[in-house]
């Protein structure tokens, strides 16, 4: 359970860091690329075995790691864009409502338990995520840029499902750090290619890239912000993999509790740290989130 709690804390910090990127005018794409360098270094430091490039390339999980690397940087950019264009609450609800994808996959592929209490708790969790993240601007912002939340929803769900599948099917014992580092290497490589392409054509594709990084202060902000994001990013995937590796917890429980708790904490931090308004509906959602976590955990 401690790994699940640490995963929730690290994943919540990712949303906060993205919010700070916008506040301090940090170039998001450049910071994300730095983040993957730092995350990869964290994985290499944490790995206690001998690093053999040929062995890694020939491993069963290598292809999955490369695909996840692509998904990671793509969805991270979508998450950042959604947070900045549609708001933190919309990004949170779009990514965390995607919990239904790995949960359904767990029921189907791994024959996980599906008792009435658990199903009711999952349904209540989905309602809680929506109510907790809802604000007066949410509907307007969702309609304004509907394609971003939709991509974030499916992308986040596919990432969670893939992580569980690879962890269960291919990942060896004590292989989490090197697997994570490999994912981040691919994400970094793809990010560098995107930056090089954008510089080559001389016209950034994404509005978040229009923030300049010409001065020393700007570069420092990118490196510092990217490094902070890299540390919490590595910890989030490391701890969720450790939680999924625990035999006593089913993936449907882990993903439900993890996602609902992140939305709840993000909303509360938005209230106290960023002075965001929380409506009566949001408080109802938080209450339902607590109840749903209890129902799913003790089902």
Protein backbone atom coordinates (compact mmCIF):
# COMPACT_ATOMS: atom_id res chain seq x y z
CA UNK A 1 0.00 0.00 0.00
CA UNK A 2 2.94 2.34 0.67
CA UNK A 3 3.95 2.15 -3.01
CA UNK A 4 0.45 3.13 -4.06
CA UNK A 5 0.50 6.15 -1.73
CA UNK A 6 3.91 7.23 -3.05
CA UNK A 7 2.66 6.86 -6.64
CA UNK A 8 -0.32 9.09 -5.83
CA UNK A 9 1.96 11.74 -4.31
CA UNK A 10 4.38 11.72 -7.27
CA UNK A 11 1.61 11.78 -9.90
CA UNK A 12 -0.10 14.68 -8.14
CA UNK A 13 3.14 16.64 -8.23
CA UNK A 14 3.28 16.20 -12.02
CA UNK A 15 0.07 18.22 -12.41
CA UNK A 16 1.40 20.88 -10.04
CA UNK A 17 4.67 21.18 -11.95
CA UNK A 18 2.77 21.63 -15.22
CA UNK A 19 0.71 24.36 -13.60
CA UNK A 20 3.92 26.10 -12.51
CA UNK A 21 5.32 25.85 -16.06
CA UNK A 22 2.49 28.08 -17.24
CA UNK A 23 2.85 30.45 -14.28
CA UNK A 24 6.59 31.01 -14.78
CA UNK A 25 6.56 30.95 -18.62
CA UNK A 26 8.68 27.81 -18.97
CA UNK A 27 8.93 26.29 -22.45
CA UNK A 28 6.94 23.10 -21.95
CA UNK A 29 8.37 20.92 -24.72
CA UNK A 30 11.98 21.77 -23.86
CA UNK A 31 11.33 21.11 -20.16
CA UNK A 32 9.67 17.79 -21.00
CA UNK A 33 12.77 16.71 -22.95
CA UNK A 34 15.00 17.63 -19.99
CA UNK A 35 12.59 15.75 -17.75
CA UNK A 36 13.22 12.51 -19.64
CA UNK A 37 17.00 12.87 -19.36
CA UNK A 38 16.70 13.26 -15.60
CA UNK A 39 14.13 10.45 -15.32
CA UNK A 40 16.43 8.13 -17.30
CA UNK A 41 19.37 8.98 -15.02
CA UNK A 42 17.19 8.20 -11.99
CA UNK A 43 16.39 4.78 -13.46
CA UNK A 44 20.04 4.01 -14.19
CA UNK A 45 21.08 5.03 -10.67
CA UNK A 46 18.34 2.89 -9.12
CA UNK A 47 19.26 -0.20 -11.19
CA UNK A 48 21.60 -2.46 -9.22
CA UNK A 49 22.47 -4.84 -12.06
CA UNK A 50 25.01 -4.66 -14.88
CA UNK A 51 23.80 -2.62 -17.85
CA UNK A 52 24.16 -4.61 -21.09
CA UNK A 53 22.89 -2.75 -24.18
CA UNK A 54 22.58 -5.93 -26.25
CA UNK A 55 20.66 -7.68 -23.49
CA UNK A 56 18.28 -4.74 -23.18
CA UNK A 57 17.63 -4.63 -26.94
CA UNK A 58 16.95 -8.38 -27.04
CA UNK A 59 14.67 -8.33 -23.97
CA UNK A 60 10.99 -9.17 -24.35
CA UNK A 61 9.90 -5.78 -23.03
CA UNK A 62 12.11 -3.64 -25.31
CA UNK A 63 9.49 -3.06 -28.03
CA UNK A 64 6.89 -2.17 -25.42
CA UNK A 65 9.31 0.29 -23.81
CA UNK A 66 9.92 2.00 -27.16
CA UNK A 67 6.19 2.36 -27.84
CA UNK A 68 5.59 3.66 -24.32
CA UNK A 69 8.36 6.20 -24.82
CA UNK A 70 6.49 7.60 -27.82
CA UNK A 71 3.19 7.58 -25.92
CA UNK A 72 4.73 9.24 -22.88
CA UNK A 73 6.05 12.33 -24.64
CA UNK A 74 2.98 12.63 -26.86
CA UNK A 75 0.52 12.45 -23.95
CA UNK A 76 2.70 14.63 -21.74
CA UNK A 77 2.50 17.37 -24.35
CA UNK A 78 -1.26 16.87 -24.66
CA UNK A 79 -1.58 17.00 -20.86
CA UNK A 80 0.40 20.24 -20.72
CA UNK A 81 -1.65 21.79 -23.53
CA UNK A 82 -4.92 20.72 -21.91
CA UNK A 83 -3.85 22.14 -18.52
CA UNK A 84 -2.92 25.48 -20.09
CA UNK A 85 -5.71 25.86 -22.67
CA UNK A 86 -8.63 24.12 -20.94
CA UNK A 87 -7.58 24.38 -17.31
CA UNK A 88 -6.08 22.08 -14.67
CA UNK A 89 -9.45 20.59 -13.77
CA UNK A 90 -10.23 19.57 -17.35
CA UNK A 91 -6.80 17.95 -17.75
CA UNK A 92 -7.27 16.13 -14.47
CA UNK A 93 -10.74 14.78 -15.27
CA UNK A 94 -9.83 13.77 -18.83
CA UNK A 95 -6.73 11.83 -17.81
CA UNK A 96 -8.15 10.25 -14.68
CA UNK A 97 -11.55 9.25 -16.08
CA UNK A 98 -9.45 7.05 -18.37
CA UNK A 99 -9.12 4.68 -15.41
CA UNK A 100 -12.09 2.83 -16.87
CA UNK A 101 -9.88 1.52 -19.71
CA UNK A 102 -7.31 -0.42 -17.59
CA UNK A 103 -10.04 -1.46 -15.13
CA UNK A 104 -12.15 -3.06 -17.88
CA UNK A 105 -9.00 -4.63 -19.33
CA UNK A 106 -8.14 -6.09 -15.92
CA UNK A 107 -11.58 -7.66 -15.63
CA UNK A 108 -11.33 -9.11 -19.13
CA UNK A 109 -7.67 -10.17 -19.37
CA UNK A 110 -6.79 -11.12 -15.80
CA UNK A 111 -10.20 -12.31 -14.56
CA UNK A 112 -10.07 -9.94 -11.62
CA UNK A 113 -12.89 -9.97 -9.09
CA UNK A 114 -16.06 -8.09 -10.00
CA UNK A 115 -18.24 -8.02 -6.90
CA UNK A 116 -21.19 -5.67 -6.50
CA UNK A 117 -19.37 -3.51 -3.95
CA UNK A 118 -16.33 -3.14 -6.20
CA UNK A 119 -18.35 -2.29 -9.31
CA UNK A 120 -20.41 0.22 -7.32
CA UNK A 121 -17.21 1.75 -5.94
CA UNK A 122 -15.71 2.12 -9.44
CA UNK A 123 -18.87 3.76 -10.78
CA UNK A 124 -18.92 6.09 -7.78
CA UNK A 125 -15.23 6.85 -8.42
CA UNK A 126 -16.00 7.97 -11.96
CA UNK A 127 -18.78 10.23 -10.68
CA UNK A 128 -16.42 11.56 -8.00
CA UNK A 129 -13.72 12.38 -10.57
CA UNK A 130 -16.20 14.37 -12.65
CA UNK A 131 -17.77 16.24 -9.73
CA UNK A 132 -14.43 16.98 -8.08
CA UNK A 133 -12.98 18.41 -11.29
CA UNK A 134 -16.10 20.29 -12.40
CA UNK A 135 -16.09 24.08 -12.29
CA UNK A 136 -18.17 26.75 -14.02
CA UNK A 137 -15.65 26.95 -16.87
CA UNK A 138 -15.24 23.20 -17.37
CA UNK A 139 -18.13 22.69 -19.79
CA UNK A 140 -17.17 25.74 -21.81
CA UNK A 141 -13.50 24.75 -21.98
CA UNK A 142 -14.31 21.15 -22.86
CA UNK A 143 -16.45 22.32 -25.77
CA UNK A 144 -13.86 24.87 -26.87
CA UNK A 145 -11.02 22.37 -27.26
CA UNK A 146 -12.75 19.01 -27.21
CA UNK A 147 -10.05 17.18 -29.17
CA UNK A 148 -7.41 17.70 -26.48
CA UNK A 149 -9.34 16.09 -23.57
CA UNK A 150 -10.44 13.21 -25.84
CA UNK A 151 -6.85 12.44 -26.89
CA UNK A 152 -5.73 12.75 -23.26
CA UNK A 153 -8.48 10.36 -22.13
CA UNK A 154 -7.63 7.55 -24.55
CA UNK A 155 -3.88 8.13 -24.40
CA UNK A 156 -3.75 7.97 -20.59
CA UNK A 157 -5.90 4.84 -20.57
CA UNK A 158 -3.71 3.09 -23.14
CA UNK A 159 -0.55 3.99 -21.18
CA UNK A 160 -1.93 2.58 -17.91
CA UNK A 161 -3.15 -0.58 -19.63
CA UNK A 162 0.18 -1.09 -21.42
CA UNK A 163 2.18 -0.62 -18.22
CA UNK A 164 0.13 -3.29 -16.46
CA UNK A 165 0.37 -5.68 -19.42
CA UNK A 166 4.15 -5.34 -19.77
CA UNK A 167 4.70 -5.59 -16.02
CA UNK A 168 2.62 -8.76 -15.84
CA UNK A 169 3.81 -10.45 -19.05
CA UNK A 170 7.41 -9.46 -19.72
CA UNK A 171 9.07 -7.55 -16.88
CA UNK A 172 11.53 -9.63 -14.81
CA UNK A 173 12.09 -9.24 -11.09
CA UNK A 174 14.10 -6.12 -10.24
CA UNK A 175 13.69 -4.95 -13.85
CA UNK A 176 11.56 -1.89 -13.08
CA UNK A 177 14.42 0.70 -12.96
CA UNK A 178 16.07 -0.34 -16.25
CA UNK A 179 12.69 -0.70 -17.97
CA UNK A 180 11.72 2.80 -16.82
CA UNK A 181 15.08 4.21 -17.94
CA UNK A 182 14.63 2.65 -21.39
CA UNK A 183 11.15 4.17 -21.74
CA UNK A 184 12.55 7.58 -20.87
CA UNK A 185 15.47 7.21 -23.33
CA UNK A 186 13.00 6.69 -26.18
CA UNK A 187 10.86 9.59 -24.98
CA UNK A 188 13.94 11.83 -24.84
CA UNK A 189 15.07 10.78 -28.33
CA UNK A 190 11.65 11.51 -29.81
CA UNK A 191 11.54 14.86 -28.02
CA UNK A 192 14.92 15.88 -29.44
CA UNK A 193 13.71 14.94 -32.91
CA UNK A 194 10.60 17.10 -32.46
CA UNK A 195 12.67 20.10 -31.32
CA UNK A 196 15.15 19.63 -34.18
CA UNK A 197 12.33 19.42 -36.72
CA UNK A 198 10.62 22.53 -35.35
CA UNK A 199 13.90 24.45 -35.41
CA UNK A 200 14.53 23.25 -38.97
CA UNK A 201 11.23 24.52 -40.31
CA UNK A 202 11.52 27.62 -38.14
CA UNK A 203 7.93 27.59 -36.95
CA UNK A 204 6.82 25.83 -33.73
CA UNK A 205 3.66 23.76 -34.09
CA UNK A 206 2.41 24.11 -30.52
CA UNK A 207 1.58 27.37 -28.83
CA UNK A 208 3.34 26.30 -25.63
CA UNK A 209 6.60 26.28 -27.60
CA UNK A 210 6.35 29.97 -28.43
CA UNK A 211 7.88 30.80 -25.05
CA UNK A 212 11.45 31.81 -25.82
CA UNK A 213 14.52 30.23 -24.19
CA UNK A 214 17.14 32.67 -25.45
CA UNK A 215 18.35 34.16 -22.17
CA UNK A 216 20.38 32.43 -19.47
CA UNK A 217 17.50 32.88 -17.03
CA UNK A 218 15.08 31.20 -19.44
CA UNK A 219 17.43 28.27 -19.98
CA UNK A 220 17.92 27.87 -16.23
CA UNK A 221 14.14 27.80 -15.72
CA UNK A 222 13.80 25.10 -18.40
CA UNK A 223 16.58 22.96 -16.89
CA UNK A 224 15.36 23.40 -13.32
CA UNK A 225 11.69 22.85 -14.17
CA UNK A 226 12.49 19.87 -16.39
CA UNK A 227 14.67 18.32 -13.68
CA UNK A 228 11.94 18.64 -11.06
CA UNK A 229 9.45 17.09 -13.47
CA UNK A 230 11.90 14.29 -14.30
CA UNK A 231 12.33 13.25 -10.68
CA UNK A 232 8.61 13.08 -9.91
CA UNK A 233 7.91 11.50 -13.30
CA UNK A 234 10.34 8.67 -12.63
CA UNK A 235 8.98 8.16 -9.13
CA UNK A 236 5.39 8.04 -10.41
CA UNK A 237 6.05 5.21 -12.88
CA UNK A 238 8.44 3.40 -10.52
CA UNK A 239 5.99 3.32 -7.63
CA UNK A 240 2.97 2.42 -9.74
CA UNK A 241 4.95 -0.52 -11.18
CA UNK A 242 5.95 -1.56 -7.66
CA UNK A 243 2.31 -1.36 -6.60
CA UNK A 244 1.20 -3.42 -9.61
CA UNK A 245 3.86 -5.99 -8.73
CA UNK A 246 2.21 -6.51 -5.33
CA UNK A 247 0.26 -9.76 -5.43
CA UNK A 248 -2.35 -8.76 -2.86
CA UNK A 249 -3.65 -5.76 -4.88
CA UNK A 250 -5.54 -6.13 -8.15
CA UNK A 251 -4.86 -3.65 -10.94
CA UNK A 252 -8.50 -2.50 -10.91
CA UNK A 253 -8.08 -1.46 -7.27
CA UNK A 254 -4.70 0.20 -7.84
CA UNK A 255 -5.76 2.25 -10.87
CA UNK A 256 -9.08 3.29 -9.35
CA UNK A 257 -7.64 4.39 -6.00
CA UNK A 258 -4.62 5.98 -7.67
CA UNK A 259 -6.60 8.08 -10.15
CA UNK A 260 -9.38 9.16 -7.81
CA UNK A 261 -6.93 10.15 -5.08
CA UNK A 262 -4.86 12.19 -7.56
CA UNK A 263 -7.93 14.15 -8.68
CA UNK A 264 -8.96 14.76 -5.08
CA UNK A 265 -5.49 15.95 -4.04
CA UNK A 266 -5.07 18.07 -7.17
CA UNK A 267 -8.34 19.85 -6.42
CA UNK A 268 -7.43 20.50 -2.79
CA UNK A 269 -3.96 21.75 -3.72
CA UNK A 270 -5.55 24.00 -6.33
CA UNK A 271 -7.67 25.47 -3.51
CA UNK A 272 -4.90 26.06 -0.99
CA UNK A 273 -1.86 26.68 -3.22
CA UNK A 274 -3.32 28.35 -6.32
CA UNK A 275 -6.37 29.98 -4.69
CA UNK A 276 -8.75 28.21 -7.08
CA UNK A 277 -12.43 28.22 -6.18
CA UNK A 278 -14.05 24.99 -5.03
CA UNK A 279 -17.79 24.79 -5.37
CA UNK A 280 -20.27 22.78 -3.35
CA UNK A 281 -20.30 20.28 -6.21
CA UNK A 282 -16.52 19.85 -5.88
CA UNK A 283 -16.86 19.13 -2.16
CA UNK A 284 -19.53 16.52 -2.92
CA UNK A 285 -17.09 14.96 -5.39
CA UNK A 286 -14.33 14.88 -2.80
CA UNK A 287 -16.66 13.17 -0.31
CA UNK A 288 -17.67 10.61 -2.94
CA UNK A 289 -14.00 10.08 -3.81
CA UNK A 290 -13.21 9.13 -0.21
CA UNK A 291 -16.18 6.74 -0.07
CA UNK A 292 -15.30 5.17 -3.45
CA UNK A 293 -11.70 4.60 -2.37
CA UNK A 294 -12.92 2.81 0.76
CA UNK A 295 -15.43 0.70 -1.19
CA UNK A 296 -12.90 -0.41 -3.83
CA UNK A 297 -10.04 -0.97 -1.39
CA UNK A 298 -12.05 -3.13 1.01
CA UNK A 299 -14.18 -4.90 -1.59
